[in-house]
Amino acid sequence: MRRHQAKEEERAKKKRADGSRSNKKSGKDKDLSLFARARKYFREVRQEMKKVAWPSREELITYTVVVFGMTTVLTAIVFGLDWAFSKLVADVLRAIT
C-alpha cells in the first residue's frame, strides 16, 4: 500500500512539473491559419474514419430491425403502464370523492 502511494505521489509530482510545459495546442498549430487548422482537422478525421470497422449491409439491416423492434416493444410497454396507472388513479380518485 505504501509503495502504491509513493508511486502515486511521484506521478503527481511529475505531472505538476510537466503541466507547466504542456499546452493543448502545440507551437506548430498556433502558427497555422484558421483554414490550415480546419484542413488539418478534417484530414485527421478522414484518417480516423478509415480505421472504423463499418458493418456490412446485412448487419446494418439486422441492427436497424432490432432497434425499431425494441423501440416498438418498449413504447407499447410504457403506453400500457401509463394507461393502466392513469385508470387506477382515476378509479381511486372516483372512489375517494
N, C-alpha and C. Protein backbone atom coordinates (compact mmCIF):
# COMPACT_ATOMS: atom_id res chain seq x y z
N MET A 1 0.82 -1.19 0.00
CA MET A 1 0.00 0.00 0.00
C MET A 1 0.87 1.26 0.00
N ARG A 2 1.94 1.22 0.80
CA ARG A 2 2.83 2.38 0.86
C ARG A 2 3.55 2.59 -0.46
N ARG A 3 3.95 1.47 -1.10
CA ARG A 3 4.61 1.60 -2.40
C ARG A 3 3.69 2.23 -3.43
N HIS A 4 2.44 1.80 -3.40
CA HIS A 4 1.44 2.34 -4.33
C HIS A 4 1.26 3.84 -4.09
N GLN A 5 1.17 4.24 -2.84
CA GLN A 5 1.00 5.65 -2.51
C GLN A 5 2.23 6.45 -2.94
N ALA A 6 3.41 5.89 -2.74
CA ALA A 6 4.63 6.58 -3.14
C ALA A 6 4.68 6.76 -4.65
N LYS A 7 4.28 5.74 -5.39
CA LYS A 7 4.24 5.85 -6.85
C LYS A 7 3.24 6.91 -7.29
N GLU A 8 2.09 6.95 -6.64
CA GLU A 8 1.08 7.95 -6.98
C GLU A 8 1.60 9.36 -6.72
N GLU A 9 2.29 9.55 -5.60
CA GLU A 9 2.85 10.86 -5.29
C GLU A 9 3.91 11.25 -6.31
N GLU A 10 4.72 10.26 -6.72
CA GLU A 10 5.75 10.52 -7.72
C GLU A 10 5.13 10.92 -9.05
N ARG A 11 4.07 10.23 -9.43
CA ARG A 11 3.37 10.58 -10.67
C ARG A 11 2.76 11.98 -10.59
N ALA A 12 2.20 12.31 -9.43
CA ALA A 12 1.59 13.63 -9.26
C ALA A 12 2.65 14.72 -9.36
N LYS A 13 3.82 14.51 -8.76
CA LYS A 13 4.91 15.49 -8.86
C LYS A 13 5.35 15.66 -10.30
N LYS A 14 5.49 14.53 -10.99
CA LYS A 14 5.92 14.58 -12.39
C LYS A 14 4.89 15.29 -13.25
N LYS A 15 3.61 15.03 -12.98
CA LYS A 15 2.53 15.66 -13.74
C LYS A 15 2.52 17.17 -13.51
N ARG A 16 2.73 17.58 -12.25
CA ARG A 16 2.79 19.02 -11.94
C ARG A 16 3.96 19.68 -12.65
N ALA A 17 5.10 19.00 -12.68
CA ALA A 17 6.28 19.56 -13.32
C ALA A 17 6.08 19.65 -14.83
N ASP A 18 5.44 18.65 -15.42
CA ASP A 18 5.18 18.65 -16.86
C ASP A 18 4.02 19.56 -17.23
N GLY A 19 3.15 19.84 -16.30
CA GLY A 19 1.96 20.64 -16.57
C GLY A 19 2.27 22.04 -17.04
N SER A 20 3.35 22.61 -16.54
CA SER A 20 3.69 23.96 -16.93
C SER A 20 4.19 24.02 -18.37
N ARG A 21 4.72 22.89 -18.86
CA ARG A 21 5.25 22.86 -20.22
C ARG A 21 4.22 22.51 -21.27
N SER A 22 3.18 21.78 -20.89
CA SER A 22 2.24 21.28 -21.89
C SER A 22 1.13 22.28 -22.14
N ASN A 23 0.76 22.41 -23.41
CA ASN A 23 -0.38 23.21 -23.84
C ASN A 23 -1.28 22.34 -24.68
N LYS A 24 -2.54 22.75 -24.83
CA LYS A 24 -3.43 21.99 -25.69
C LYS A 24 -2.98 22.07 -27.14
N LYS A 25 -2.58 23.27 -27.55
CA LYS A 25 -2.13 23.45 -28.92
C LYS A 25 -0.61 23.48 -28.93
N SER A 26 -0.03 22.76 -29.85
CA SER A 26 1.42 22.81 -29.96
C SER A 26 1.81 24.10 -30.65
N GLY A 27 3.08 24.41 -30.62
CA GLY A 27 3.55 25.64 -31.25
C GLY A 27 3.26 25.66 -32.74
N LYS A 28 3.30 24.50 -33.37
CA LYS A 28 3.04 24.42 -34.81
C LYS A 28 1.60 24.80 -35.12
N ASP A 29 0.65 24.34 -34.30
CA ASP A 29 -0.76 24.63 -34.55
C ASP A 29 -1.07 26.11 -34.38
N LYS A 30 -0.37 26.76 -33.47
CA LYS A 30 -0.62 28.19 -33.26
C LYS A 30 -0.22 29.01 -34.48
N ASP A 31 0.80 28.53 -35.19
CA ASP A 31 1.29 29.26 -36.36
C ASP A 31 0.39 29.09 -37.58
N LEU A 32 -0.45 28.08 -37.57
CA LEU A 32 -1.31 27.81 -38.73
C LEU A 32 -2.50 28.76 -38.75
N SER A 33 -2.97 29.06 -39.96
CA SER A 33 -4.16 29.89 -40.09
C SER A 33 -5.40 29.07 -39.76
N LEU A 34 -6.51 29.74 -39.66
CA LEU A 34 -7.77 29.06 -39.36
C LEU A 34 -8.08 28.00 -40.40
N PHE A 35 -7.89 28.33 -41.67
CA PHE A 35 -8.20 27.39 -42.74
C PHE A 35 -7.23 26.21 -42.75
N ALA A 36 -5.97 26.47 -42.43
CA ALA A 36 -4.99 25.39 -42.38
C ALA A 36 -5.30 24.44 -41.23
N ARG A 37 -5.72 24.99 -40.08
CA ARG A 37 -6.10 24.14 -38.95
C ARG A 37 -7.33 23.32 -39.28
N ALA A 38 -8.32 23.95 -39.96
CA ALA A 38 -9.53 23.23 -40.35
C ALA A 38 -9.19 22.11 -41.33
N ARG A 39 -8.32 22.40 -42.27
CA ARG A 39 -7.92 21.39 -43.25
C ARG A 39 -7.21 20.23 -42.55
N LYS A 40 -6.33 20.55 -41.59
CA LYS A 40 -5.64 19.52 -40.83
C LYS A 40 -6.63 18.68 -40.03
N TYR A 41 -7.61 19.34 -39.41
CA TYR A 41 -8.62 18.65 -38.62
C TYR A 41 -9.38 17.65 -39.48
N PHE A 42 -9.87 18.10 -40.64
CA PHE A 42 -10.65 17.20 -41.50
C PHE A 42 -9.79 16.09 -42.09
N ARG A 43 -8.51 16.35 -42.33
CA ARG A 43 -7.62 15.30 -42.81
C ARG A 43 -7.47 14.22 -41.74
N GLU A 44 -7.32 14.65 -40.48
CA GLU A 44 -7.19 13.70 -39.39
C GLU A 44 -8.49 12.92 -39.16
N VAL A 45 -9.63 13.60 -39.31
CA VAL A 45 -10.91 12.93 -39.19
C VAL A 45 -11.05 11.85 -40.26
N ARG A 46 -10.65 12.19 -41.47
CA ARG A 46 -10.73 11.23 -42.57
C ARG A 46 -9.85 10.02 -42.30
N GLN A 47 -8.65 10.25 -41.77
CA GLN A 47 -7.75 9.14 -41.44
C GLN A 47 -8.36 8.25 -40.37
N GLU A 48 -8.98 8.84 -39.37
CA GLU A 48 -9.60 8.05 -38.30
C GLU A 48 -10.82 7.27 -38.82
N MET A 49 -11.58 7.88 -39.71
CA MET A 49 -12.76 7.21 -40.25
C MET A 49 -12.37 5.99 -41.10
N LYS A 50 -11.19 6.01 -41.68
CA LYS A 50 -10.72 4.85 -42.43
C LYS A 50 -10.45 3.66 -41.51
N LYS A 51 -10.16 3.95 -40.24
CA LYS A 51 -9.85 2.89 -39.28
C LYS A 51 -11.10 2.25 -38.69
N VAL A 52 -12.26 2.85 -38.92
CA VAL A 52 -13.50 2.35 -38.33
C VAL A 52 -13.91 1.03 -39.00
N ALA A 53 -14.35 0.08 -38.19
CA ALA A 53 -14.85 -1.19 -38.72
C ALA A 53 -16.34 -1.02 -39.02
N TRP A 54 -16.66 -0.74 -40.27
CA TRP A 54 -18.04 -0.49 -40.66
C TRP A 54 -18.79 -1.81 -40.78
N PRO A 55 -20.08 -1.84 -40.40
CA PRO A 55 -20.86 -3.08 -40.53
C PRO A 55 -21.20 -3.34 -42.00
N SER A 56 -21.42 -4.61 -42.30
CA SER A 56 -21.84 -4.95 -43.66
C SER A 56 -23.30 -4.55 -43.83
N ARG A 57 -23.79 -4.63 -45.05
CA ARG A 57 -25.18 -4.24 -45.33
C ARG A 57 -26.16 -5.13 -44.55
N GLU A 58 -25.87 -6.42 -44.50
CA GLU A 58 -26.74 -7.35 -43.78
C GLU A 58 -26.76 -7.05 -42.28
N GLU A 59 -25.58 -6.77 -41.72
CA GLU A 59 -25.51 -6.42 -40.30
C GLU A 59 -26.27 -5.13 -40.02
N LEU A 60 -26.11 -4.16 -40.90
CA LEU A 60 -26.80 -2.88 -40.73
C LEU A 60 -28.31 -3.06 -40.74
N ILE A 61 -28.81 -3.86 -41.67
CA ILE A 61 -30.25 -4.12 -41.75
C ILE A 61 -30.72 -4.84 -40.49
N THR A 62 -29.94 -5.83 -40.04
CA THR A 62 -30.30 -6.57 -38.83
C THR A 62 -30.35 -5.64 -37.62
N TYR A 63 -29.32 -4.82 -37.46
CA TYR A 63 -29.28 -3.89 -36.32
C TYR A 63 -30.44 -2.91 -36.37
N THR A 64 -30.77 -2.42 -37.57
CA THR A 64 -31.86 -1.47 -37.71
C THR A 64 -33.20 -2.10 -37.33
N VAL A 65 -33.43 -3.33 -37.80
CA VAL A 65 -34.67 -4.03 -37.47
C VAL A 65 -34.77 -4.27 -35.96
N VAL A 66 -33.66 -4.66 -35.35
CA VAL A 66 -33.66 -4.90 -33.90
C VAL A 66 -33.98 -3.60 -33.15
N VAL A 67 -33.36 -2.50 -33.55
CA VAL A 67 -33.61 -1.22 -32.87
C VAL A 67 -35.07 -0.80 -33.02
N PHE A 68 -35.61 -0.87 -34.24
CA PHE A 68 -37.02 -0.50 -34.43
C PHE A 68 -37.95 -1.43 -33.67
N GLY A 69 -37.63 -2.72 -33.67
CA GLY A 69 -38.46 -3.68 -32.94
C GLY A 69 -38.46 -3.42 -31.45
N MET A 70 -37.28 -3.24 -30.87
CA MET A 70 -37.19 -2.97 -29.43
C MET A 70 -37.85 -1.64 -29.07
N THR A 71 -37.70 -0.65 -29.93
CA THR A 71 -38.35 0.64 -29.69
C THR A 71 -39.86 0.48 -29.67
N THR A 72 -40.38 -0.29 -30.60
CA THR A 72 -41.82 -0.52 -30.65
C THR A 72 -42.30 -1.27 -29.41
N VAL A 73 -41.57 -2.30 -29.01
CA VAL A 73 -41.96 -3.09 -27.83
C VAL A 73 -41.93 -2.22 -26.58
N LEU A 74 -40.85 -1.48 -26.38
CA LEU A 74 -40.74 -0.64 -25.19
C LEU A 74 -41.78 0.48 -25.18
N THR A 75 -42.09 1.03 -26.36
CA THR A 75 -43.13 2.05 -26.44
C THR A 75 -44.47 1.46 -26.03
N ALA A 76 -44.76 0.26 -26.49
CA ALA A 76 -46.02 -0.40 -26.13
C ALA A 76 -46.09 -0.68 -24.63
N ILE A 77 -44.97 -1.10 -24.05
CA ILE A 77 -44.95 -1.36 -22.60
C ILE A 77 -45.20 -0.08 -21.82
N VAL A 78 -44.50 0.98 -22.18
CA VAL A 78 -44.67 2.26 -21.47
C VAL A 78 -46.09 2.78 -21.66
N PHE A 79 -46.64 2.66 -22.88
CA PHE A 79 -48.01 3.09 -23.12
C PHE A 79 -48.98 2.29 -22.25
N GLY A 80 -48.79 0.98 -22.20
CA GLY A 80 -49.66 0.13 -21.40
C GLY A 80 -49.59 0.46 -19.91
N LEU A 81 -48.40 0.65 -19.40
CA LEU A 81 -48.26 1.02 -17.98
C LEU A 81 -48.88 2.39 -17.70
N ASP A 82 -48.66 3.33 -18.60
CA ASP A 82 -49.23 4.67 -18.43
C ASP A 82 -50.75 4.59 -18.43
N TRP A 83 -51.32 3.85 -19.34
CA TRP A 83 -52.77 3.71 -19.43
C TRP A 83 -53.32 3.04 -18.16
N ALA A 84 -52.64 1.96 -17.72
CA ALA A 84 -53.11 1.23 -16.53
C ALA A 84 -53.04 2.12 -15.28
N PHE A 85 -51.94 2.82 -15.10
CA PHE A 85 -51.81 3.67 -13.92
C PHE A 85 -52.78 4.85 -13.96
N SER A 86 -53.03 5.40 -15.14
CA SER A 86 -53.98 6.51 -15.22
C SER A 86 -55.40 6.03 -14.87
N LYS A 87 -55.75 4.81 -15.34
CA LYS A 87 -57.06 4.24 -14.98
C LYS A 87 -57.13 3.98 -13.47
N LEU A 88 -56.05 3.46 -12.91
CA LEU A 88 -56.00 3.17 -11.49
C LEU A 88 -56.15 4.46 -10.67
N VAL A 89 -55.44 5.49 -11.03
CA VAL A 89 -55.53 6.76 -10.31
C VAL A 89 -56.92 7.36 -10.45
N ALA A 90 -57.48 7.28 -11.66
CA ALA A 90 -58.83 7.82 -11.87
C ALA A 90 -59.84 7.06 -11.02
N ASP A 91 -59.74 5.73 -10.95
CA ASP A 91 -60.64 4.93 -10.13
C ASP A 91 -60.51 5.25 -8.64
N VAL A 92 -59.26 5.42 -8.18
CA VAL A 92 -59.02 5.77 -6.78
C VAL A 92 -59.62 7.14 -6.46
N LEU A 93 -59.42 8.09 -7.34
CA LEU A 93 -59.95 9.42 -7.11
C LEU A 93 -61.49 9.42 -7.12
N ARG A 94 -62.08 8.61 -8.03
CA ARG A 94 -63.55 8.50 -8.05
C ARG A 94 -64.07 7.87 -6.76
N ALA A 95 -63.33 6.88 -6.24
CA ALA A 95 -63.76 6.20 -5.02
C ALA A 95 -63.65 7.11 -3.81
N ILE A 96 -62.67 7.98 -3.82
CA ILE A 96 -62.48 8.90 -2.69
C ILE A 96 -63.55 9.99 -2.68
N THR A 97 -63.93 10.47 -3.84
CA THR A 97 -64.88 11.59 -3.90
C THR A 97 -66.31 11.13 -3.96
